C-alpha atoms as a PDB file:
ATOM      1  CA  UNK A   1     112.442 144.025 103.176  1.00  0.00           C
ATOM      2  CA  UNK A   2     108.684 143.696 103.624  1.00  0.00           C
ATOM      3  CA  UNK A   3     106.869 140.524 102.701  1.00  0.00           C
ATOM      4  CA  UNK A   4     104.202 140.730 100.150  1.00  0.00           C
ATOM      5  CA  UNK A   5     101.351 138.207 100.478  1.00  0.00           C
ATOM      6  CA  UNK A   6     100.275 136.735  97.099  1.00  0.00           C
ATOM      7  CA  UNK A   7      97.333 134.502  96.656  1.00  0.00           C
ATOM      8  CA  UNK A   8      96.889 132.070  93.697  1.00  0.00           C
ATOM      9  CA  UNK A   9      94.121 130.059  92.394  1.00  0.00           C
ATOM     10  CA  UNK A  10      94.434 126.380  91.399  1.00  0.00           C
ATOM     11  CA  UNK A  11      91.562 126.185  88.800  1.00  0.00           C
ATOM     12  CA  UNK A  12      91.364 122.673  87.444  1.00  0.00           C
ATOM     13  CA  UNK A  13      88.907 121.305  84.838  1.00  0.00           C
ATOM     14  CA  UNK A  14      88.984 117.942  83.158  1.00  0.00           C
ATOM     15  CA  UNK A  15      92.619 117.161  84.142  1.00  0.00           C
ATOM     16  CA  UNK A  16      93.939 120.561  83.195  1.00  0.00           C
ATOM     17  CA  UNK A  17      94.780 123.623  85.369  1.00  0.00           C
ATOM     18  CA  UNK A  18      94.401 127.225  84.260  1.00  0.00           C
ATOM     19  CA  UNK A  19      97.592 129.303  83.762  1.00  0.00           C
ATOM     20  CA  UNK A  20      98.043 132.857  82.710  1.00  0.00           C
ATOM     21  CA  UNK A  21     100.865 134.655  81.112  1.00  0.00           C
ATOM     22  CA  UNK A  22     102.380 137.838  82.636  1.00  0.00           C
ATOM     23  CA  UNK A  23     102.085 140.856  80.190  1.00  0.00           C
ATOM     24  CA  UNK A  24     105.100 142.728  78.670  1.00  0.00           C
ATOM     25  CA  UNK A  25     106.303 145.303  81.181  1.00  0.00           C
ATOM     26  CA  UNK A  26     105.300 143.371  84.311  1.00  0.00           C
ATOM     27  CA  UNK A  27     107.823 141.833  86.765  1.00  0.00           C
ATOM     28  CA  UNK A  28     108.929 138.547  85.163  1.00  0.00           C
ATOM     29  CA  UNK A  29     107.080 139.354  81.930  1.00  0.00           C
ATOM     30  CA  UNK A  30     106.110 136.225  79.726  1.00  0.00           C
ATOM     31  CA  UNK A  31     106.174 133.796  82.704  1.00  0.00           C
ATOM     32  CA  UNK A  32     103.266 131.407  83.012  1.00  0.00           C
ATOM     33  CA  UNK A  33     101.643 131.332  86.500  1.00  0.00           C
ATOM     34  CA  UNK A  34      98.506 130.562  88.429  1.00  0.00           C
ATOM     35  CA  UNK A  35      96.137 133.501  88.299  1.00  0.00           C
ATOM     36  CA  UNK A  36      95.966 135.728  91.413  1.00  0.00           C
ATOM     37  CA  UNK A  37      97.362 138.763  93.073  1.00  0.00           C
ATOM     38  CA  UNK A  38      98.398 140.664  96.142  1.00  0.00           C
ATOM     39  CA  UNK A  39      96.352 140.872  99.273  1.00  0.00           C
ATOM     40  CA  UNK A  40      95.402 144.438  99.954  1.00  0.00           C
ATOM     41  CA  UNK A  41      95.308 145.919 103.531  1.00  0.00           C
ATOM     42  CA  UNK A  42      92.379 144.822 105.464  1.00  0.00           C
ATOM     43  CA  UNK A  43      91.340 142.166 102.910  1.00  0.00           C
ATOM     44  CA  UNK A  44      91.445 138.410 103.885  1.00  0.00           C
ATOM     45  CA  UNK A  45      93.414 136.099 101.517  1.00  0.00           C
ATOM     46  CA  UNK A  46      90.261 134.420 100.264  1.00  0.00           C
ATOM     47  CA  UNK A  47      88.402 137.696  99.547  1.00  0.00           C
ATOM     48  CA  UNK A  48      91.716 138.961  97.666  1.00  0.00           C
ATOM     49  CA  UNK A  49      91.902 135.737  95.702  1.00  0.00           C
ATOM     50  CA  UNK A  50      88.088 135.986  94.620  1.00  0.00           C
ATOM     51  CA  UNK A  51      88.561 139.633  93.813  1.00  0.00           C
ATOM     52  CA  UNK A  52      91.922 139.080  91.866  1.00  0.00           C
ATOM     53  CA  UNK A  53      90.391 136.248  89.755  1.00  0.00           C
ATOM     54  CA  UNK A  54      87.291 138.450  89.053  1.00  0.00           C
ATOM     55  CA  UNK A  55      89.565 141.249  87.667  1.00  0.00           C
ATOM     56  CA  UNK A  56      91.987 139.150  85.933  1.00  0.00           C
ATOM     57  CA  UNK A  57      89.759 136.592  84.294  1.00  0.00           C
ATOM     58  CA  UNK A  58      86.050 138.036  84.559  1.00  0.00           C
ATOM     59  CA  UNK A  59      84.838 134.932  86.349  1.00  0.00           C
ATOM     60  CA  UNK A  60      83.383 134.042  89.847  1.00  0.00           C
ATOM     61  CA  UNK A  61      85.222 131.447  91.810  1.00  0.00           C
ATOM     62  CA  UNK A  62      84.640 129.634  95.124  1.00  0.00           C
ATOM     63  CA  UNK A  63      87.847 129.563  96.979  1.00  0.00           C
ATOM     64  CA  UNK A  64      88.355 126.329  98.747  1.00  0.00           C
ATOM     65  CA  UNK A  65      91.123 124.737 100.727  1.00  0.00           C
ATOM     66  CA  UNK A  66      94.807 126.124 100.753  1.00  0.00           C
ATOM     67  CA  UNK A  67      97.112 123.614  98.835  1.00  0.00           C
ATOM     68  CA  UNK A  68     100.495 124.998  99.605  1.00  0.00           C
ATOM     69  CA  UNK A  69     102.335 128.168 101.007  1.00  0.00           C
ATOM     70  CA  UNK A  70     105.789 129.120 100.369  1.00  0.00           C
ATOM     71  CA  UNK A  71     107.967 132.180 100.854  1.00  0.00           C
ATOM     72  CA  UNK A  72     110.462 133.243  98.081  1.00  0.00           C
ATOM     73  CA  UNK A  73     113.227 135.977  98.239  1.00  0.00           C
ATOM     74  CA  UNK A  74     113.885 137.605  94.801  1.00  0.00           C
ATOM     75  CA  UNK A  75     116.796 140.234  94.673  1.00  0.00           C
ATOM     76  CA  UNK A  76     114.317 143.181  94.926  1.00  0.00           C
ATOM     77  CA  UNK A  77     111.322 141.694  96.879  1.00  0.00           C
ATOM     78  CA  UNK A  78     110.173 138.820  99.092  1.00  0.00           C
ATOM     79  CA  UNK A  79     106.920 137.124  98.420  1.00  0.00           C
ATOM     80  CA  UNK A  80     104.731 134.773 100.373  1.00  0.00           C
ATOM     81  CA  UNK A  81     102.623 132.825  98.041  1.00  0.00           C
ATOM     82  CA  UNK A  82      99.398 130.872  99.115  1.00  0.00           C
ATOM     83  CA  UNK A  83      97.901 128.549  96.513  1.00  0.00           C
ATOM     84  CA  UNK A  84      94.367 127.745  97.065  1.00  0.00           C
ATOM     85  CA  UNK A  85      92.081 125.230  95.082  1.00  0.00           C
ATOM     86  CA  UNK A  86      89.294 127.301  93.389  1.00  0.00           C
ATOM     87  CA  UNK A  87      86.111 126.007  91.636  1.00  0.00           C
ATOM     88  CA  UNK A  88      84.616 128.060  88.675  1.00  0.00           C
ATOM     89  CA  UNK A  89      81.025 129.208  89.672  1.00  0.00           C
ATOM     90  CA  UNK A  90      80.223 131.610  86.826  1.00  0.00           C
ATOM     91  CA  UNK A  91      81.659 132.708  83.548  1.00  0.00           C
ATOM     92  CA  UNK A  92      84.351 131.369  81.124  1.00  0.00           C
ATOM     93  CA  UNK A  93      87.936 132.675  81.925  1.00  0.00           C
ATOM     94  CA  UNK A  94      89.185 135.564  79.520  1.00  0.00           C
ATOM     95  CA  UNK A  95      92.645 136.958  79.938  1.00  0.00           C
ATOM     96  CA  UNK A  96      91.795 140.688  81.029  1.00  0.00           C
ATOM     97  CA  UNK A  97      95.135 141.522  82.540  1.00  0.00           C
ATOM     98  CA  UNK A  98      97.380 138.772  81.180  1.00  0.00           C
ATOM     99  CA  UNK A  99      98.839 138.358  77.633  1.00  0.00           C
ATOM    100  CA  UNK A 100      97.158 134.931  77.394  1.00  0.00           C
ATOM    101  CA  UNK A 101      95.765 131.846  79.252  1.00  0.00           C
ATOM    102  CA  UNK A 102      96.032 128.169  78.701  1.00  0.00           C
ATOM    103  CA  UNK A 103      94.812 124.885  80.365  1.00  0.00           C
ATOM    104  CA  UNK A 104      98.026 122.907  81.165  1.00  0.00           C
ATOM    105  CA  UNK A 105      97.998 119.243  82.061  1.00  0.00           C
ATOM    106  CA  UNK A 106      97.618 118.924  85.826  1.00  0.00           C
ATOM    107  CA  UNK A 107     100.323 116.240  85.989  1.00  0.00           C
ATOM    108  CA  UNK A 108     102.826 118.143  83.734  1.00  0.00           C
ATOM    109  CA  UNK A 109     103.750 121.746  84.830  1.00  0.00           C
ATOM    110  CA  UNK A 110     106.843 123.148  83.206  1.00  0.00           C
ATOM    111  CA  UNK A 111     108.451 125.087  86.114  1.00  0.00           C
ATOM    112  CA  UNK A 112     110.955 126.619  83.777  1.00  0.00           C
ATOM    113  CA  UNK A 113     108.092 128.573  82.264  1.00  0.00           C
ATOM    114  CA  UNK A 114     107.007 129.860  85.678  1.00  0.00           C
ATOM    115  CA  UNK A 115     108.478 132.385  88.040  1.00  0.00           C
ATOM    116  CA  UNK A 116     111.116 131.055  90.251  1.00  0.00           C
ATOM    117  CA  UNK A 117     109.056 131.171  93.277  1.00  0.00           C
ATOM    118  CA  UNK A 118     106.762 128.826  91.727  1.00  0.00           C
ATOM    119  CA  UNK A 119     109.369 126.038  91.722  1.00  0.00           C
ATOM    120  CA  UNK A 120     109.074 125.757  95.548  1.00  0.00           C
ATOM    121  CA  UNK A 121     105.340 125.986  95.315  1.00  0.00           C
ATOM    122  CA  UNK A 122     105.223 123.150  92.859  1.00  0.00           C
ATOM    123  CA  UNK A 123     107.446 121.030  94.982  1.00  0.00           C
ATOM    124  CA  UNK A 124     105.205 121.530  97.889  1.00  0.00           C
ATOM    125  CA  UNK A 125     102.305 120.521  95.568  1.00  0.00           C
ATOM    126  CA  UNK A 126     104.130 117.304  94.921  1.00  0.00           C
ATOM    127  CA  UNK A 127     104.818 116.675  98.453  1.00  0.00           C
ATOM    128  CA  UNK A 128     108.630 117.092  97.740  1.00  0.00           C
END
């Protein structure tokens, strides 16, 4: 099974981090996640992340350091997740491709609300 590379943005502001909710009809609909998406052929992960965040939220970000990387196998697909710290440069996030967005406390993520692949990502963030 091929591995799909997915890049995710850790956008923090005033002790809170931005999460978006997957829309109805999407894989794992209703789950909260870090904004981002798939890396397209010929695209660098950083360029893909800047593009995905602009498409999903209507903002410009500066992609900074990689915070964590994990690979997770779902029954129907395998994903390689790469989480990058990002800084908002222009605009106010608006959910263009998600059902909603929220600013969650940086130190209190509820992994149960997130896709299963994010549990390993959150563990890596905590240094577990």
